[in-house]
Amino acid sequence: MRKMILGTIGLLLISIPGWAQESYPKAEVFGGFSISSIAAGSPSTRTSFYGWQASVNGNLHRRLGIVGDFGGQYKSVAGVGINNYQFMFGPQISARQEKVTPFAHALFGANRTSALGASSTNLGLGIGGGLDLNVSDRLALRVPQFDWTPVRAGGVWNTNIIRIGIGLVFKAGE
């Protein structure tokens, strides 16, 4: 009886590493199109900037990763070119499934705006998430990613900014 109990415990201990070996990508790289929409004056009047968005996500676990998110949007207003860039980092939680991967993140970093040869870099946030439609083990469509992206400039928070991104996600490692 003692040998049987020790044998069973031994088999359980040997199989423990198999329990933790859930398949997930070690890294994900996203690139695509983005729209940043800013309330101009009143919340019902919005101005949209168009550009690009990219991110790199290093997955520490099946559900937890650290993401670096970057974006650039552009617009000409009354003949003046305005550029807006985001550089943000933070944790991302994913609920991985076979066909879809919904995720949420809290990003912190900088927002840089340039116009007429002058620029300003301020504290920026990105609170949001999205949905990846898994095409294969190595490719997904991000449809879409929504972020609330408030900016603190001049001691005041501008909280009426949202960003939407769509594109491709490339997955590496297992």
Protein backbone atom coordinates (compact mmCIF):
# COMPACT_ATOMS: atom_id res chain seq x y z
CA MET A 1 0.00 0.00 0.00
CA ARG A 2 2.83 2.36 0.89
CA LYS A 3 4.52 1.71 -2.50
CA MET A 4 1.26 2.39 -4.29
CA ILE A 5 0.79 5.76 -2.49
CA LEU A 6 4.42 6.76 -3.15
CA GLY A 7 4.07 5.68 -6.78
CA THR A 8 0.90 7.76 -7.21
CA ILE A 9 2.52 10.80 -5.60
CA GLY A 10 5.57 10.32 -7.84
CA LEU A 11 3.40 10.20 -10.98
CA LEU A 12 1.56 13.36 -9.90
CA LEU A 13 4.85 15.18 -9.26
CA ILE A 14 6.23 14.12 -12.64
CA SER A 15 3.10 15.35 -14.43
CA ILE A 16 3.01 18.82 -12.74
CA PRO A 17 5.13 20.51 -15.45
CA GLY A 18 2.57 19.37 -18.03
CA TRP A 19 -0.20 21.18 -16.16
CA ALA A 20 1.57 24.53 -16.60
CA GLN A 21 2.41 24.08 -20.28
CA GLU A 22 -0.55 25.86 -21.79
CA SER A 23 0.25 27.03 -25.29
CA TYR A 24 0.47 30.81 -25.77
CA PRO A 25 2.71 33.15 -27.78
CA LYS A 26 5.71 34.57 -25.95
CA ALA A 27 5.53 37.79 -27.98
CA GLU A 28 2.94 39.61 -30.09
CA VAL A 29 3.60 42.47 -32.50
CA PHE A 30 0.69 44.65 -33.67
CA GLY A 31 0.67 47.17 -36.49
CA GLY A 32 -2.17 49.02 -38.10
CA PHE A 33 -4.32 52.09 -38.71
CA SER A 34 -5.56 54.36 -35.92
CA ILE A 35 -7.96 57.23 -35.39
CA SER A 36 -7.63 59.61 -32.45
CA SER A 37 -10.78 61.60 -31.73
CA ILE A 38 -10.62 64.72 -29.56
CA ALA A 39 -13.57 66.75 -28.27
CA ALA A 40 -13.16 70.28 -29.63
CA GLY A 41 -15.01 72.70 -27.41
CA SER A 42 -18.05 70.61 -26.52
CA PRO A 43 -18.18 66.80 -26.23
CA SER A 44 -20.59 66.67 -29.20
CA THR A 45 -18.05 68.38 -31.51
CA ARG A 46 -15.10 66.10 -32.22
CA THR A 47 -11.98 66.39 -34.38
CA SER A 48 -10.41 63.20 -35.76
CA PHE A 49 -6.73 62.64 -36.48
CA TYR A 50 -5.66 59.68 -38.67
CA GLY A 51 -2.44 57.69 -38.54
CA TRP A 52 -0.79 54.50 -37.35
CA GLN A 53 -0.49 52.40 -34.22
CA ALA A 54 1.99 49.69 -33.21
CA SER A 55 2.66 47.64 -30.09
CA VAL A 56 4.92 44.90 -28.79
CA ASN A 57 3.60 42.59 -26.08
CA GLY A 58 5.88 40.25 -24.12
CA ASN A 59 3.72 37.61 -22.46
CA LEU A 60 4.87 36.60 -18.98
CA HIS A 61 2.00 34.12 -18.63
CA ARG A 62 -0.95 32.94 -20.68
CA ARG A 63 -3.04 35.80 -19.32
CA LEU A 64 -0.48 38.49 -18.37
CA GLY A 65 1.87 40.51 -20.56
CA ILE A 66 3.84 43.75 -20.59
CA VAL A 67 3.05 45.94 -23.60
CA GLY A 68 4.76 48.90 -25.25
CA ASP A 69 2.24 50.85 -27.34
CA PHE A 70 3.13 53.58 -29.84
CA GLY A 71 1.00 55.69 -32.14
CA GLY A 72 1.07 58.70 -34.42
CA GLN A 73 -1.88 60.66 -35.79
CA TYR A 74 -1.89 63.67 -38.09
CA LYS A 75 -4.24 66.43 -39.24
CA SER A 76 -4.14 69.78 -40.99
CA VAL A 77 -6.37 72.41 -39.36
CA ALA A 78 -6.73 75.73 -41.21
CA GLY A 79 -3.52 74.96 -43.12
CA VAL A 80 -1.54 74.15 -39.96
CA GLY A 81 -0.14 70.61 -39.69
CA ILE A 82 -0.61 68.99 -36.28
CA ASN A 83 1.17 65.80 -35.25
CA ASN A 84 0.30 63.76 -32.17
CA TYR A 85 2.37 60.81 -30.87
CA GLN A 86 1.86 58.39 -27.97
CA PHE A 87 4.58 56.35 -26.19
CA MET A 88 3.00 54.18 -23.49
CA PHE A 89 3.84 51.05 -21.48
CA GLY A 90 2.01 48.85 -18.98
CA PRO A 91 0.38 45.54 -18.10
CA GLN A 92 -2.08 43.75 -20.36
CA ILE A 93 -4.48 40.97 -19.36
CA SER A 94 -5.70 38.55 -22.05
CA ALA A 95 -8.47 35.94 -21.98
CA ARG A 96 -7.04 33.60 -24.62
CA GLN A 97 -9.44 31.31 -26.44
CA GLU A 98 -9.11 29.27 -29.61
CA LYS A 99 -10.86 31.71 -31.98
CA VAL A 100 -10.61 35.05 -30.15
CA THR A 101 -8.39 36.82 -27.63
CA PRO A 102 -10.07 39.67 -25.77
CA PHE A 103 -7.67 41.86 -23.77
CA ALA A 104 -7.56 44.88 -21.47
CA HIS A 105 -4.65 47.11 -20.48
CA ALA A 106 -3.61 50.14 -18.43
CA LEU A 107 -0.84 52.08 -20.17
CA PHE A 108 1.25 54.98 -18.87
CA GLY A 109 3.70 57.21 -20.70
CA ALA A 110 3.98 60.32 -22.82
CA ASN A 111 1.95 62.18 -25.42
CA ARG A 112 3.80 64.55 -27.76
CA THR A 113 2.00 67.14 -29.87
CA SER A 114 3.70 69.33 -32.50
CA ALA A 115 2.40 72.27 -34.55
CA LEU A 116 3.96 75.37 -36.16
CA GLY A 117 7.48 74.25 -35.24
CA ALA A 118 6.69 73.99 -31.51
CA SER A 119 6.10 70.81 -29.56
CA SER A 120 4.96 69.76 -26.11
CA THR A 121 5.44 66.43 -24.34
CA ASN A 122 2.99 65.60 -21.56
CA LEU A 123 1.83 62.73 -19.37
CA GLY A 124 -0.40 60.36 -21.32
CA LEU A 125 -2.54 57.36 -20.38
CA GLY A 126 -4.18 54.58 -22.36
CA ILE A 127 -6.95 52.70 -20.61
CA GLY A 128 -8.80 50.21 -22.78
CA GLY A 129 -8.63 46.95 -24.62
CA GLY A 130 -9.70 45.12 -27.70
CA LEU A 131 -10.35 41.89 -29.50
CA ASP A 132 -8.03 39.79 -31.64
CA LEU A 133 -9.62 37.33 -34.08
CA ASN A 134 -7.16 34.45 -34.35
CA VAL A 135 -6.58 33.52 -38.01
CA SER A 136 -3.86 30.99 -37.10
CA ASP A 137 -1.37 30.24 -34.31
CA ARG A 138 0.86 33.00 -35.72
CA LEU A 139 -1.60 35.63 -37.03
CA ALA A 140 -4.63 37.54 -35.75
CA LEU A 141 -6.79 40.46 -36.85
CA ARG A 142 -7.23 43.19 -34.24
CA VAL A 143 -10.81 44.34 -34.70
CA PRO A 144 -10.57 46.78 -32.94
CA GLN A 145 -8.64 48.21 -30.02
CA PHE A 146 -10.35 51.03 -28.09
CA ASP A 147 -8.41 53.28 -25.71
CA TRP A 148 -9.41 56.23 -23.59
CA THR A 149 -6.25 58.37 -23.85
CA PRO A 150 -6.38 61.34 -21.48
CA VAL A 151 -3.45 63.79 -21.50
CA ARG A 152 -2.23 66.05 -18.67
CA ALA A 153 -0.95 69.33 -20.13
CA GLY A 154 -0.43 72.61 -18.29
CA GLY A 155 -1.62 71.07 -15.03
CA VAL A 156 -5.01 70.16 -16.53
CA TRP A 157 -6.32 66.79 -17.73
CA ASN A 158 -7.91 66.65 -21.18
CA THR A 159 -10.11 63.57 -20.75
CA ASN A 160 -12.11 63.80 -23.99
CA ILE A 161 -9.70 61.81 -26.17
CA ILE A 162 -10.28 58.32 -27.53
CA ARG A 163 -8.17 56.21 -29.91
CA ILE A 164 -9.31 53.31 -32.09
CA GLY A 165 -6.88 50.96 -33.83
CA ILE A 166 -7.28 48.08 -36.29
CA GLY A 167 -4.65 45.92 -37.95
CA LEU A 168 -2.63 42.70 -37.86
CA VAL A 169 -1.07 40.87 -34.90
CA PHE A 170 1.94 38.63 -35.50
CA LYS A 171 2.66 36.03 -32.80
CA ALA A 172 6.05 34.48 -32.01
CA GLY A 173 7.28 31.72 -29.69
CA GLU A 174 5.30 29.09 -27.84
